Amino acid sequence: MVRTLRAFRVIIEGGEDGYLIARVPELPGCATQARTLEQLRRRVREAIALCLDVARTTRRVRHARHRRASSFFGVEDVAVRV
């Protein structure tokens, strides 16, 4: 079986506990966390591979393969008087 290289958009956020959290909007439920960016990158690759493997074995490949995440627009800090 020939494997193709495919890119996924990953959203990375910092958690309050010091961990970095990564999620893959294109693959619902695909997320992981780690203390360092290097470790997070390794873990998110593993998580994506596992999510795709589960999708293949449960016949949900089409859903995972064809759903495309929206383009990232930006992040803003919004001040609100409280």
Protein backbone atom coordinates (compact mmCIF):
# COMPACT_ATOMS: atom_id res chain seq x y z
CA MET A 1 0.00 0.00 0.00
CA VAL A 2 1.46 3.34 -1.06
CA ARG A 3 1.17 6.06 1.56
CA THR A 4 0.82 9.67 0.53
CA LEU A 5 1.95 12.66 2.54
CA ARG A 6 -0.95 14.84 3.65
CA ALA A 7 -0.89 18.08 5.63
CA PHE A 8 -3.34 18.86 8.43
CA ARG A 9 -3.92 22.20 10.10
CA VAL A 10 -3.21 21.93 13.83
CA ILE A 11 -4.41 24.47 16.40
CA ILE A 12 -1.99 24.81 19.34
CA GLU A 13 -2.95 26.49 22.59
CA GLY A 14 -1.30 26.89 25.96
CA GLY A 15 -3.18 25.37 28.87
CA GLU A 16 -3.34 26.91 32.34
CA ASP A 17 -1.34 24.00 33.74
CA GLY A 18 1.67 24.71 31.50
CA TYR A 19 0.86 22.03 28.94
CA LEU A 20 0.52 22.75 25.23
CA ILE A 21 -2.68 21.43 23.67
CA ALA A 22 -3.02 20.53 20.00
CA ARG A 23 -6.23 19.77 18.14
CA VAL A 24 -6.92 18.93 14.52
CA PRO A 25 -10.22 20.53 13.43
CA GLU A 26 -10.33 18.42 10.27
CA LEU A 27 -10.47 15.24 12.39
CA PRO A 28 -13.12 15.62 15.11
CA GLY A 29 -11.87 14.32 18.45
CA CYS A 30 -8.22 14.34 17.39
CA ALA A 31 -6.24 16.10 20.11
CA THR A 32 -3.22 15.65 22.34
CA GLN A 33 -1.07 17.54 24.85
CA ALA A 34 2.56 17.80 25.91
CA ARG A 35 4.94 19.95 27.93
CA THR A 36 7.20 20.95 25.02
CA LEU A 37 6.55 21.93 21.42
CA GLU A 38 8.88 19.20 20.15
CA GLN A 39 7.02 16.56 22.14
CA LEU A 40 3.67 18.00 21.04
CA ARG A 41 4.62 17.78 17.36
CA ARG A 42 5.57 14.13 17.78
CA ARG A 43 2.38 13.33 19.66
CA VAL A 44 0.08 15.14 17.23
CA ARG A 45 1.55 13.14 14.33
CA GLU A 46 0.80 9.96 16.28
CA ALA A 47 -2.72 11.17 17.11
CA ILE A 48 -3.45 11.99 13.46
CA ALA A 49 -2.19 8.59 12.33
CA LEU A 50 -4.36 6.86 14.95
CA CYS A 51 -7.46 8.89 14.04
CA LEU A 52 -7.00 8.08 10.35
CA ASP A 53 -6.45 4.40 11.16
CA VAL A 54 -9.65 4.29 13.21
CA ALA A 55 -11.51 6.11 10.42
CA ARG A 56 -10.29 3.52 7.91
CA THR A 57 -11.19 0.52 10.05
CA THR A 58 -14.65 1.89 10.91
CA ARG A 59 -15.33 2.90 7.30
CA ARG A 60 -15.38 6.61 8.12
CA VAL A 61 -12.54 7.46 5.77
CA ARG A 62 -14.68 9.62 3.52
CA HIS A 63 -15.77 11.78 6.44
CA ALA A 64 -12.24 12.33 7.71
CA ARG A 65 -10.67 12.72 4.29
CA HIS A 66 -13.11 15.19 2.73
CA ARG A 67 -13.92 17.45 5.62
CA ARG A 68 -11.70 20.52 5.37
CA ALA A 69 -11.18 22.89 8.25
CA SER A 70 -11.94 26.54 7.68
CA SER A 71 -9.00 28.85 7.11
CA PHE A 72 -7.53 30.39 10.23
CA PHE A 73 -8.42 34.07 10.40
CA GLY A 74 -6.70 35.39 13.50
CA VAL A 75 -6.60 35.90 17.23
CA GLU A 76 -7.53 39.08 19.08
CA ASP A 77 -7.51 40.27 22.67
CA VAL A 78 -10.82 42.00 23.34
CA ALA A 79 -11.14 44.40 26.28
CA VAL A 80 -14.52 44.57 28.00
CA ARG A 81 -15.39 46.88 30.87
CA VAL A 82 -16.82 44.75 33.70
